[in-house]
Amino acid sequence: MSYFAKRVCIVYSPKKLETSIVAVRPLAAVSSTLSAAVSGRQLQLNWPQDHTGWLLQAQTNSLNIGMGTNQVNVSGSDATNQRTIPINPSIGSVFFRLTCP
């Protein structure tokens, strides 16, 4: 398995260009799968621990639309490898995916 050794942050302002290392946490470079379980009105999503740092993305649409391109990042998902999502019966469908930043 290959890893990204570090992340680099580039900050731009009109007066200077600054580059600094902001993390040295290895990230898995190969895709993975999401595991899901339902308990009551909660959806528990899990992914491998070596994928901590990846972003969980979600997309909600009505049942007649299906998947589109309007995914949004689930806040804080890059700091963990699991997330509990409340199930809202009024939402037609929710799609989840894991993406490498």
N, C-alpha and C. Protein backbone atom coordinates (compact mmCIF):
# COMPACT_ATOMS: atom_id res chain seq x y z
N MET A 1 0.84 -1.17 0.00
CA MET A 1 0.00 0.00 0.00
C MET A 1 0.89 1.24 0.00
N SER A 2 0.55 2.21 -0.81
CA SER A 2 1.33 3.44 -0.83
C SER A 2 0.65 4.50 0.02
N TYR A 3 1.43 5.44 0.49
CA TYR A 3 0.91 6.49 1.35
C TYR A 3 1.39 7.85 0.88
N PHE A 4 0.58 8.87 1.15
CA PHE A 4 1.02 10.25 0.98
C PHE A 4 1.75 10.59 2.28
N ALA A 5 2.99 11.02 2.19
CA ALA A 5 3.79 11.23 3.39
C ALA A 5 3.42 12.50 4.14
N LYS A 6 2.97 13.51 3.45
CA LYS A 6 2.64 14.76 4.13
C LYS A 6 1.71 15.59 3.27
N ARG A 7 1.11 16.55 3.89
CA ARG A 7 0.29 17.53 3.18
C ARG A 7 1.03 18.85 3.20
N VAL A 8 0.90 19.61 2.13
CA VAL A 8 1.52 20.92 2.08
C VAL A 8 0.42 21.95 1.88
N CYS A 9 0.50 23.00 2.64
CA CYS A 9 -0.47 24.08 2.55
C CYS A 9 0.20 25.27 1.89
N ILE A 10 -0.44 25.83 0.86
CA ILE A 10 0.09 27.02 0.22
C ILE A 10 -0.86 28.16 0.53
N VAL A 11 -0.33 29.19 1.14
CA VAL A 11 -1.12 30.35 1.52
C VAL A 11 -0.68 31.53 0.66
N TYR A 12 -1.63 32.17 0.02
CA TYR A 12 -1.30 33.30 -0.86
C TYR A 12 -1.89 34.59 -0.31
N SER A 13 -1.11 35.60 -0.32
CA SER A 13 -1.60 36.96 -0.05
C SER A 13 -0.89 37.87 -1.05
N PRO A 14 -1.41 39.03 -1.31
CA PRO A 14 -0.77 39.92 -2.27
C PRO A 14 0.67 40.29 -1.91
N LYS A 15 1.04 40.21 -0.63
CA LYS A 15 2.36 40.62 -0.19
C LYS A 15 3.38 39.48 -0.20
N LYS A 16 2.93 38.23 -0.01
CA LYS A 16 3.89 37.14 0.04
C LYS A 16 3.23 35.80 -0.28
N LEU A 17 4.03 34.84 -0.69
CA LEU A 17 3.59 33.48 -0.90
C LEU A 17 4.30 32.62 0.12
N GLU A 18 3.55 31.87 0.91
CA GLU A 18 4.12 31.11 2.01
C GLU A 18 3.71 29.64 1.88
N THR A 19 4.66 28.75 2.06
CA THR A 19 4.38 27.32 2.03
C THR A 19 4.83 26.71 3.34
N SER A 20 3.98 25.88 3.92
CA SER A 20 4.35 25.23 5.18
C SER A 20 3.74 23.84 5.25
N ILE A 21 4.41 22.94 5.95
CA ILE A 21 3.87 21.62 6.19
C ILE A 21 2.85 21.73 7.31
N VAL A 22 1.63 21.26 7.07
CA VAL A 22 0.59 21.39 8.08
C VAL A 22 0.21 20.06 8.72
N ALA A 23 0.67 18.95 8.14
CA ALA A 23 0.38 17.64 8.74
C ALA A 23 1.38 16.62 8.24
N VAL A 24 1.67 15.65 9.06
CA VAL A 24 2.58 14.58 8.67
C VAL A 24 1.89 13.23 8.90
N ARG A 25 0.59 13.22 8.76
CA ARG A 25 -0.19 12.00 8.95
C ARG A 25 -0.28 11.27 7.62
N PRO A 26 0.16 9.99 7.55
CA PRO A 26 0.05 9.26 6.29
C PRO A 26 -1.40 8.98 5.93
N LEU A 27 -1.69 9.07 4.65
CA LEU A 27 -3.03 8.77 4.14
C LEU A 27 -2.93 7.62 3.15
N ALA A 28 -3.83 6.68 3.24
CA ALA A 28 -3.87 5.59 2.27
C ALA A 28 -4.20 6.17 0.90
N ALA A 29 -3.52 5.68 -0.13
CA ALA A 29 -3.72 6.21 -1.48
C ALA A 29 -4.66 5.36 -2.32
N VAL A 30 -5.08 4.22 -1.82
CA VAL A 30 -5.99 3.36 -2.58
C VAL A 30 -7.38 3.47 -2.00
N SER A 31 -8.38 3.31 -2.86
CA SER A 31 -9.75 3.47 -2.40
C SER A 31 -10.16 2.34 -1.46
N SER A 32 -11.26 2.55 -0.79
CA SER A 32 -11.76 1.59 0.17
C SER A 32 -13.27 1.53 0.07
N THR A 33 -13.88 0.76 0.93
CA THR A 33 -15.33 0.67 0.97
C THR A 33 -15.85 1.24 2.29
N LEU A 34 -17.10 1.64 2.26
CA LEU A 34 -17.79 2.09 3.46
C LEU A 34 -18.60 0.92 4.00
N SER A 35 -18.58 0.75 5.30
CA SER A 35 -19.45 -0.22 5.96
C SER A 35 -20.59 0.55 6.59
N ALA A 36 -21.78 -0.01 6.56
CA ALA A 36 -22.94 0.69 7.10
C ALA A 36 -23.78 -0.25 7.96
N ALA A 37 -24.33 0.32 9.03
CA ALA A 37 -25.25 -0.40 9.90
C ALA A 37 -26.32 0.58 10.37
N VAL A 38 -27.52 0.08 10.56
CA VAL A 38 -28.63 0.92 11.02
C VAL A 38 -29.04 0.46 12.41
N SER A 39 -29.21 1.43 13.29
CA SER A 39 -29.70 1.17 14.63
C SER A 39 -30.73 2.25 14.96
N GLY A 40 -31.98 1.85 15.04
CA GLY A 40 -33.03 2.84 15.28
C GLY A 40 -33.11 3.80 14.12
N ARG A 41 -32.98 5.07 14.41
CA ARG A 41 -32.99 6.10 13.36
C ARG A 41 -31.60 6.67 13.13
N GLN A 42 -30.58 5.83 13.30
CA GLN A 42 -29.19 6.25 13.12
C GLN A 42 -28.52 5.34 12.08
N LEU A 43 -27.74 5.94 11.19
CA LEU A 43 -26.94 5.20 10.23
C LEU A 43 -25.48 5.34 10.67
N GLN A 44 -24.83 4.22 10.95
CA GLN A 44 -23.43 4.22 11.36
C GLN A 44 -22.58 3.86 10.16
N LEU A 45 -21.71 4.78 9.72
CA LEU A 45 -20.80 4.53 8.61
C LEU A 45 -19.39 4.38 9.16
N ASN A 46 -18.65 3.39 8.66
CA ASN A 46 -17.27 3.13 9.08
C ASN A 46 -16.42 2.88 7.85
N TRP A 47 -15.14 3.22 7.94
CA TRP A 47 -14.17 2.91 6.90
C TRP A 47 -12.85 2.60 7.58
N PRO A 48 -11.90 1.96 6.88
CA PRO A 48 -10.66 1.53 7.53
C PRO A 48 -9.91 2.69 8.20
N GLN A 49 -9.26 2.36 9.31
CA GLN A 49 -8.56 3.39 10.08
C GLN A 49 -7.45 4.06 9.28
N ASP A 50 -6.80 3.32 8.36
CA ASP A 50 -5.74 3.95 7.57
C ASP A 50 -6.29 4.93 6.54
N HIS A 51 -7.61 5.07 6.47
CA HIS A 51 -8.25 6.06 5.61
C HIS A 51 -8.74 7.28 6.40
N THR A 52 -8.34 7.37 7.69
CA THR A 52 -8.60 8.58 8.45
C THR A 52 -7.86 9.71 7.74
N GLY A 53 -8.55 10.79 7.47
CA GLY A 53 -7.99 11.88 6.67
C GLY A 53 -8.72 12.01 5.34
N TRP A 54 -9.38 10.94 4.93
CA TRP A 54 -10.23 11.01 3.74
C TRP A 54 -11.52 11.74 4.12
N LEU A 55 -12.23 12.24 3.13
CA LEU A 55 -13.46 12.99 3.36
C LEU A 55 -14.68 12.14 3.04
N LEU A 56 -15.62 12.10 3.95
CA LEU A 56 -16.92 11.51 3.67
C LEU A 56 -17.75 12.60 3.01
N GLN A 57 -18.34 12.27 1.87
CA GLN A 57 -19.20 13.22 1.19
C GLN A 57 -20.61 12.66 1.11
N ALA A 58 -21.58 13.56 1.13
CA ALA A 58 -22.99 13.17 1.09
C ALA A 58 -23.71 13.98 0.02
N GLN A 59 -24.78 13.39 -0.47
CA GLN A 59 -25.61 14.05 -1.47
C GLN A 59 -27.05 13.62 -1.21
N THR A 60 -27.95 14.57 -1.13
CA THR A 60 -29.37 14.24 -0.94
C THR A 60 -30.15 14.68 -2.17
N ASN A 61 -31.05 13.83 -2.59
CA ASN A 61 -31.92 14.11 -3.73
C ASN A 61 -33.25 13.42 -3.51
N SER A 62 -34.25 13.85 -4.27
CA SER A 62 -35.52 13.13 -4.23
C SER A 62 -35.35 11.80 -4.95
N LEU A 63 -36.23 10.86 -4.69
CA LEU A 63 -36.12 9.52 -5.28
C LEU A 63 -36.13 9.52 -6.80
N ASN A 64 -36.85 10.45 -7.42
CA ASN A 64 -36.95 10.45 -8.88
C ASN A 64 -35.74 11.07 -9.57
N ILE A 65 -34.81 11.67 -8.81
CA ILE A 65 -33.62 12.29 -9.42
C ILE A 65 -32.42 11.36 -9.39
N GLY A 66 -32.19 10.69 -8.29
CA GLY A 66 -31.01 9.82 -8.19
C GLY A 66 -29.75 10.64 -7.95
N MET A 67 -28.60 10.06 -8.32
CA MET A 67 -27.32 10.73 -8.07
C MET A 67 -27.09 11.89 -9.02
N GLY A 68 -26.40 12.90 -8.50
CA GLY A 68 -26.01 14.07 -9.28
C GLY A 68 -24.57 14.43 -8.97
N THR A 69 -24.26 15.69 -9.07
CA THR A 69 -22.89 16.16 -8.83
C THR A 69 -22.80 17.13 -7.66
N ASN A 70 -23.81 17.16 -6.80
CA ASN A 70 -23.86 18.13 -5.71
C ASN A 70 -23.43 17.55 -4.37
N GLN A 71 -22.32 16.78 -4.35
CA GLN A 71 -21.84 16.23 -3.09
C GLN A 71 -21.29 17.34 -2.21
N VAL A 72 -21.46 17.17 -0.89
CA VAL A 72 -20.88 18.10 0.08
C VAL A 72 -20.08 17.29 1.09
N ASN A 73 -19.02 17.90 1.62
CA ASN A 73 -18.20 17.25 2.64
C ASN A 73 -18.97 17.18 3.95
N VAL A 74 -18.92 16.03 4.61
CA VAL A 74 -19.51 15.87 5.94
C VAL A 74 -18.51 16.47 6.93
N SER A 75 -18.91 17.50 7.63
CA SER A 75 -18.04 18.24 8.53
C SER A 75 -17.34 17.33 9.54
N GLY A 76 -16.02 17.47 9.64
CA GLY A 76 -15.23 16.73 10.62
C GLY A 76 -14.92 15.30 10.23
N SER A 77 -15.38 14.85 9.07
CA SER A 77 -15.18 13.45 8.70
C SER A 77 -13.72 13.12 8.39
N ASP A 78 -12.90 14.11 8.09
CA ASP A 78 -11.49 13.85 7.81
C ASP A 78 -10.68 13.59 9.09
N ALA A 79 -11.29 13.75 10.25
CA ALA A 79 -10.58 13.54 11.52
C ALA A 79 -10.94 12.20 12.17
N THR A 80 -11.69 11.36 11.45
CA THR A 80 -12.15 10.10 12.04
C THR A 80 -12.29 9.05 10.95
N ASN A 81 -12.66 7.85 11.33
CA ASN A 81 -12.96 6.80 10.36
C ASN A 81 -14.37 6.23 10.60
N GLN A 82 -15.21 7.02 11.24
CA GLN A 82 -16.60 6.61 11.45
C GLN A 82 -17.48 7.83 11.63
N ARG A 83 -18.73 7.67 11.32
CA ARG A 83 -19.66 8.77 11.47
C ARG A 83 -21.05 8.21 11.69
N THR A 84 -21.80 8.81 12.60
CA THR A 84 -23.20 8.44 12.83
C THR A 84 -24.06 9.54 12.24
N ILE A 85 -24.97 9.15 11.37
CA ILE A 85 -25.82 10.10 10.65
C ILE A 85 -27.27 9.83 11.07
N PRO A 86 -28.01 10.86 11.52
CA PRO A 86 -29.43 10.65 11.82
C PRO A 86 -30.21 10.38 10.53
N ILE A 87 -31.13 9.43 10.57
CA ILE A 87 -31.95 9.11 9.41
C ILE A 87 -33.18 10.01 9.42
N ASN A 88 -33.38 10.74 8.35
CA ASN A 88 -34.52 11.63 8.21
C ASN A 88 -35.45 11.04 7.14
N PRO A 89 -36.59 10.48 7.52
CA PRO A 89 -37.49 9.84 6.56
C PRO A 89 -38.04 10.78 5.49
N SER A 90 -37.99 12.08 5.72
CA SER A 90 -38.53 13.02 4.73
C SER A 90 -37.58 13.26 3.55
N ILE A 91 -36.33 12.81 3.67
CA ILE A 91 -35.37 12.95 2.57
C ILE A 91 -35.50 11.73 1.67
N GLY A 92 -35.67 11.97 0.37
CA GLY A 92 -35.89 10.87 -0.57
C GLY A 92 -34.75 9.88 -0.63
N SER A 93 -33.53 10.34 -0.82
CA SER A 93 -32.37 9.46 -0.90
C SER A 93 -31.12 10.22 -0.49
N VAL A 94 -30.18 9.50 0.10
CA VAL A 94 -28.89 10.08 0.47
C VAL A 94 -27.81 9.14 -0.04
N PHE A 95 -26.84 9.69 -0.74
CA PHE A 95 -25.71 8.93 -1.26
C PHE A 95 -24.46 9.36 -0.49
N PHE A 96 -23.63 8.41 -0.13
CA PHE A 96 -22.37 8.69 0.56
C PHE A 96 -21.20 8.15 -0.26
N ARG A 97 -20.09 8.84 -0.18
CA ARG A 97 -18.86 8.34 -0.79
C ARG A 97 -17.69 8.84 0.02
N LEU A 98 -16.57 8.14 -0.12
CA LEU A 98 -15.32 8.48 0.55
C LEU A 98 -14.36 8.98 -0.52
N THR A 99 -13.74 10.13 -0.29
CA THR A 99 -12.84 10.68 -1.29
C THR A 99 -11.54 11.14 -0.64
N CYS A 100 -10.46 10.98 -1.35
CA CYS A 100 -9.15 11.40 -0.86
C CYS A 100 -8.98 12.89 -1.10
N PRO A 101 -8.59 13.64 -0.08
CA PRO A 101 -8.45 15.10 -0.26
C PRO A 101 -7.31 15.46 -1.20
